[in-house]
Structure formats: structure tokens, C-alpha cells
Amino acid sequence: MGLDAVVYMNKLNLGIDQLGDSLQIDEQTGEVYPTPGDGLVRPAQIFTAIHRRLGNASMIGSLASEISLVLDANSILLKRVLYRSSHSGDSIEVDDLSNLESEINLVRQRTKDAQSGELDTFLTALAELIDAAKHEKNPIVFT
């Protein structure tokens, strides 16, 4: 158990002019997926812009403790990302990405002399998710 996150490809970036009857889209997450029973096989990866493993249950707890030393408990990082070791189905909307990015930069600045390797890896993964989410104009979705 742990925490993973994805950003789905924007339907406009898939090169599909019309979804037709064989594909559907989840308007909340932007996920494009085949209609069940259409008989066509498509690997899920073709609809995913980026997938990152953020950490196992223990690591998420440790990261939350480390970040809580430098950020307010109401931060996006603590309240919506690290609040539980697994929270599949939650998302960070595109409108919140700039605030999340600012928090990442603040954590990097405040921990630059004592940052763990795990925290650096986590923040880098989140930054990559943010970049993809901005490009795809889709939210970061926790899986």
C-alpha cells in the first residue's frame, strides 16, 4: 500500500478528433478510457501522461512529519497530498497547481541544508506531475 499519482493525457493531445462510441472521458479527471465491451484492446498507458510512485505507507507518514516542520497544517501538501498514506480517487485541480508548486519551492528553500533524499525524490516527482498537469490541463489524480 502507498500513494501513487497520475496525470491523464488531455483528449486534445491524443490526436483523436472525436471520441466516438469506442472511447469515453471522465470529465473530473480527464481520463480517456475505452467503452467496456467495445472489443478493442488499448493499453491504459497510452492514456496516461505521467505516473509517479510517491511512496509506501511508511514513507508518506515520514514525509508528512518532515514537511510539517516547515509548512502550516493547512497547506495543500499536508492537507491534500500527505494526509493519508493512500487516498485513491482524490485529485489536485489545475487551479491549485501554482499554489502546490509554491509550497514545493518553499519546502525546498526551508530544508535546503537538511533535506532528506526521500524528500528530494518526493518533491521532484510532484514537480514532474505539476508540469504534466499544466501541459495536459488535467488534474493530478491519486491512485
C-alpha atoms as a PDB file:
ATOM      1  CA  MET A   1       0.000   0.000   0.000  1.00  0.00           C
ATOM      2  CA  GLY A   2       1.139   3.529  -0.645  1.00  0.00           C
ATOM      3  CA  LEU A   3       0.498   6.585  -2.718  1.00  0.00           C
ATOM      4  CA  ASP A   4       0.720   6.913  -6.480  1.00  0.00           C
ATOM      5  CA  ALA A   5      -0.367   9.787  -8.697  1.00  0.00           C
ATOM      6  CA  VAL A   6      -1.099  10.173 -12.386  1.00  0.00           C
ATOM      7  CA  VAL A   7      -1.936  12.841 -14.894  1.00  0.00           C
ATOM      8  CA  TYR A   8      -4.040  11.652 -17.778  1.00  0.00           C
ATOM      9  CA  MET A   9      -3.453  12.744 -21.354  1.00  0.00           C
ATOM     10  CA  ASN A  10      -5.754  15.517 -22.460  1.00  0.00           C
ATOM     11  CA  LYS A  11      -8.086  14.210 -25.132  1.00  0.00           C
ATOM     12  CA  LEU A  12      -6.904  17.025 -27.417  1.00  0.00           C
ATOM     13  CA  ASN A  13      -3.297  15.784 -27.099  1.00  0.00           C
ATOM     14  CA  LEU A  14      -4.184  12.204 -28.017  1.00  0.00           C
ATOM     15  CA  GLY A  15      -4.690  13.065 -31.663  1.00  0.00           C
ATOM     16  CA  ILE A  16      -8.276  11.889 -31.531  1.00  0.00           C
ATOM     17  CA  ASP A  17     -10.603  14.386 -33.177  1.00  0.00           C
ATOM     18  CA  GLN A  18     -13.753  12.710 -31.983  1.00  0.00           C
ATOM     19  CA  LEU A  19     -14.029  10.186 -29.192  1.00  0.00           C
ATOM     20  CA  GLY A  20     -16.850   8.347 -30.917  1.00  0.00           C
ATOM     21  CA  ASP A  21     -18.531   5.394 -29.255  1.00  0.00           C
ATOM     22  CA  SER A  22     -15.346   3.443 -28.516  1.00  0.00           C
ATOM     23  CA  LEU A  23     -13.868   5.929 -26.018  1.00  0.00           C
ATOM     24  CA  GLN A  24     -15.261   7.790 -23.032  1.00  0.00           C
ATOM     25  CA  ILE A  25     -13.881  10.621 -20.909  1.00  0.00           C
ATOM     26  CA  ASP A  26     -14.146  11.263 -17.188  1.00  0.00           C
ATOM     27  CA  GLU A  27     -14.818  14.994 -17.053  1.00  0.00           C
ATOM     28  CA  GLN A  28     -13.431  15.317 -13.494  1.00  0.00           C
ATOM     29  CA  THR A  29     -10.062  13.626 -14.033  1.00  0.00           C
ATOM     30  CA  GLY A  30      -9.681  13.963 -17.800  1.00  0.00           C
ATOM     31  CA  GLU A  31      -9.136  10.210 -18.053  1.00  0.00           C
ATOM     32  CA  VAL A  32      -9.916   8.819 -21.502  1.00  0.00           C
ATOM     33  CA  TYR A  33     -10.780   5.139 -21.463  1.00  0.00           C
ATOM     34  CA  PRO A  34     -12.300   2.520 -23.774  1.00  0.00           C
ATOM     35  CA  THR A  35     -16.013   1.852 -23.614  1.00  0.00           C
ATOM     36  CA  PRO A  36     -16.480  -1.511 -21.868  1.00  0.00           C
ATOM     37  CA  GLY A  37     -17.235  -4.274 -24.333  1.00  0.00           C
ATOM     38  CA  ASP A  38     -16.100  -2.391 -27.452  1.00  0.00           C
ATOM     39  CA  GLY A  39     -13.844  -5.324 -28.315  1.00  0.00           C
ATOM     40  CA  LEU A  40     -10.766  -3.150 -28.879  1.00  0.00           C
ATOM     41  CA  VAL A  41      -7.711  -3.587 -26.696  1.00  0.00           C
ATOM     42  CA  ARG A  42      -5.807  -0.451 -25.756  1.00  0.00           C
ATOM     43  CA  PRO A  43      -3.124  -0.355 -23.072  1.00  0.00           C
ATOM     44  CA  ALA A  44      -4.043   2.110 -20.306  1.00  0.00           C
ATOM     45  CA  GLN A  45      -0.569   3.665 -20.597  1.00  0.00           C
ATOM     46  CA  ILE A  46      -1.454   5.342 -23.891  1.00  0.00           C
ATOM     47  CA  PHE A  47      -3.958   7.479 -21.993  1.00  0.00           C
ATOM     48  CA  THR A  48      -1.531   8.394 -19.176  1.00  0.00           C
ATOM     49  CA  ALA A  49       0.831  11.364 -19.499  1.00  0.00           C
ATOM     50  CA  ILE A  50       2.784  10.554 -16.324  1.00  0.00           C
ATOM     51  CA  HIS A  51       2.628   8.149 -13.393  1.00  0.00           C
ATOM     52  CA  ARG A  52       4.719   8.555 -10.248  1.00  0.00           C
ATOM     53  CA  ARG A  53       5.012   6.434  -7.126  1.00  0.00           C
ATOM     54  CA  LEU A  54       5.139   8.942  -4.267  1.00  0.00           C
ATOM     55  CA  GLY A  55       5.920   6.446  -1.542  1.00  0.00           C
ATOM     56  CA  ASN A  56       4.813   3.482   0.503  1.00  0.00           C
ATOM     57  CA  ALA A  57       2.639   3.978   3.601  1.00  0.00           C
ATOM     58  CA  SER A  58       5.609   4.391   5.921  1.00  0.00           C
ATOM     59  CA  MET A  59       7.368   6.826   3.589  1.00  0.00           C
ATOM     60  CA  ILE A  60       4.258   9.012   3.222  1.00  0.00           C
ATOM     61  CA  GLY A  61       4.000   9.264   7.014  1.00  0.00           C
ATOM     62  CA  SER A  62       7.673  10.147   7.291  1.00  0.00           C
ATOM     63  CA  LEU A  63       7.395  12.797   4.564  1.00  0.00           C
ATOM     64  CA  ALA A  64       4.353  14.316   6.265  1.00  0.00           C
ATOM     65  CA  SER A  65       6.317  14.584   9.514  1.00  0.00           C
ATOM     66  CA  GLU A  66       9.277  16.179   7.767  1.00  0.00           C
ATOM     67  CA  ILE A  67       7.150  18.694   5.861  1.00  0.00           C
ATOM     68  CA  SER A  68       5.021  19.545   8.909  1.00  0.00           C
ATOM     69  CA  LEU A  69       8.140  21.108  10.437  1.00  0.00           C
ATOM     70  CA  VAL A  70       8.244  23.765   7.711  1.00  0.00           C
ATOM     71  CA  LEU A  71       4.657  24.209   6.436  1.00  0.00           C
ATOM     72  CA  ASP A  72       1.344  25.084   8.005  1.00  0.00           C
ATOM     73  CA  ALA A  73      -1.068  22.183   8.585  1.00  0.00           C
ATOM     74  CA  ASN A  74      -3.494  23.776   6.083  1.00  0.00           C
ATOM     75  CA  SER A  75      -1.017  23.563   3.207  1.00  0.00           C
ATOM     76  CA  ILE A  76      -2.004  21.646   0.093  1.00  0.00           C
ATOM     77  CA  LEU A  77       0.963  19.316   0.603  1.00  0.00           C
ATOM     78  CA  LEU A  78      -0.167  18.288   4.082  1.00  0.00           C
ATOM     79  CA  LYS A  79      -3.931  18.589   3.766  1.00  0.00           C
ATOM     80  CA  ARG A  80      -4.443  17.127   0.281  1.00  0.00           C
ATOM     81  CA  VAL A  81      -1.350  15.095  -0.598  1.00  0.00           C
ATOM     82  CA  LEU A  82       0.229  13.655   2.550  1.00  0.00           C
ATOM     83  CA  TYR A  83      -2.791  13.498   4.850  1.00  0.00           C
ATOM     84  CA  ARG A  84      -3.070   9.737   4.448  1.00  0.00           C
ATOM     85  CA  SER A  85      -0.785   7.076   3.034  1.00  0.00           C
ATOM     86  CA  SER A  86      -3.377   6.044   0.461  1.00  0.00           C
ATOM     87  CA  HIS A  87      -6.274   8.099  -0.872  1.00  0.00           C
ATOM     88  CA  SER A  88      -7.180   6.800  -4.291  1.00  0.00           C
ATOM     89  CA  GLY A  89      -9.546   8.955  -6.321  1.00  0.00           C
ATOM     90  CA  ASP A  90      -8.625  12.316  -4.815  1.00  0.00           C
ATOM     91  CA  SER A  91      -7.195  14.973  -7.073  1.00  0.00           C
ATOM     92  CA  ILE A  92      -5.437  18.329  -7.173  1.00  0.00           C
ATOM     93  CA  GLU A  93      -7.224  20.575  -9.647  1.00  0.00           C
ATOM     94  CA  VAL A  94      -5.401  22.608 -12.273  1.00  0.00           C
ATOM     95  CA  ASP A  95      -6.362  25.833 -10.460  1.00  0.00           C
ATOM     96  CA  ASP A  96      -4.421  24.658  -7.372  1.00  0.00           C
ATOM     97  CA  LEU A  97      -1.205  23.720  -9.172  1.00  0.00           C
ATOM     98  CA  SER A  98       0.503  27.103  -8.777  1.00  0.00           C
ATOM     99  CA  ASN A  99      -0.094  27.058  -5.014  1.00  0.00           C
ATOM    100  CA  LEU A 100       1.219  23.500  -4.778  1.00  0.00           C
ATOM    101  CA  GLU A 101       4.281  24.489  -6.792  1.00  0.00           C
ATOM    102  CA  SER A 102       4.890  27.447  -4.457  1.00  0.00           C
ATOM    103  CA  GLU A 103       4.699  25.126  -1.462  1.00  0.00           C
ATOM    104  CA  ILE A 104       7.225  22.756  -3.032  1.00  0.00           C
ATOM    105  CA  ASN A 105       9.600  25.663  -3.622  1.00  0.00           C
ATOM    106  CA  LEU A 106       9.116  26.843  -0.037  1.00  0.00           C
ATOM    107  CA  VAL A 107       9.840  23.362   1.343  1.00  0.00           C
ATOM    108  CA  ARG A 108      12.976  23.140  -0.807  1.00  0.00           C
ATOM    109  CA  GLN A 109      14.124  26.555   0.414  1.00  0.00           C
ATOM    110  CA  ARG A 110      13.432  25.853   4.088  1.00  0.00           C
ATOM    111  CA  THR A 111      15.029  22.385   4.050  1.00  0.00           C
ATOM    112  CA  LYS A 112      17.971  23.013   1.711  1.00  0.00           C
ATOM    113  CA  ASP A 113      20.530  22.335   4.450  1.00  0.00           C
ATOM    114  CA  ALA A 114      18.806  19.305   5.990  1.00  0.00           C
ATOM    115  CA  GLN A 115      16.656  17.781   3.256  1.00  0.00           C
ATOM    116  CA  SER A 116      16.449  14.002   3.175  1.00  0.00           C
ATOM    117  CA  GLY A 117      16.980  12.174  -0.089  1.00  0.00           C
ATOM    118  CA  GLU A 118      13.445  10.817   0.185  1.00  0.00           C
ATOM    119  CA  LEU A 119      12.022  14.341   0.463  1.00  0.00           C
ATOM    120  CA  ASP A 120      14.010  15.470  -2.574  1.00  0.00           C
ATOM    121  CA  THR A 121      12.751  12.488  -4.596  1.00  0.00           C
ATOM    122  CA  PHE A 122       9.161  13.163  -3.491  1.00  0.00           C
ATOM    123  CA  LEU A 123       9.309  16.880  -4.323  1.00  0.00           C
ATOM    124  CA  THR A 124      10.873  16.137  -7.710  1.00  0.00           C
ATOM    125  CA  ALA A 125       8.102  13.636  -8.512  1.00  0.00           C
ATOM    126  CA  LEU A 126       5.445  16.180  -7.529  1.00  0.00           C
ATOM    127  CA  ALA A 127       7.112  18.863  -9.655  1.00  0.00           C
ATOM    128  CA  GLU A 128       7.057  16.485 -12.648  1.00  0.00           C
ATOM    129  CA  LEU A 129       3.361  15.779 -12.019  1.00  0.00           C
ATOM    130  CA  ILE A 130       2.656  19.520 -11.858  1.00  0.00           C
ATOM    131  CA  ASP A 131       4.479  20.139 -15.155  1.00  0.00           C
ATOM    132  CA  ALA A 132       2.496  17.372 -16.858  1.00  0.00           C
ATOM    133  CA  ALA A 133      -0.789  18.568 -15.351  1.00  0.00           C
ATOM    134  CA  LYS A 134      -0.178  22.093 -16.610  1.00  0.00           C
ATOM    135  CA  HIS A 135       0.688  20.797 -20.074  1.00  0.00           C
ATOM    136  CA  GLU A 136      -2.289  18.439 -20.256  1.00  0.00           C
ATOM    137  CA  LYS A 137      -4.634  20.866 -18.498  1.00  0.00           C
ATOM    138  CA  ASN A 138      -5.787  17.942 -16.345  1.00  0.00           C
ATOM    139  CA  PRO A 139      -5.616  17.442 -12.571  1.00  0.00           C
ATOM    140  CA  ILE A 140      -3.166  15.316 -10.625  1.00  0.00           C
ATOM    141  CA  VAL A 141      -5.119  12.208  -9.639  1.00  0.00           C
ATOM    142  CA  PHE A 142      -4.117   9.937  -6.752  1.00  0.00           C
ATOM    143  CA  THR A 143      -4.408   6.229  -7.462  1.00  0.00           C
END
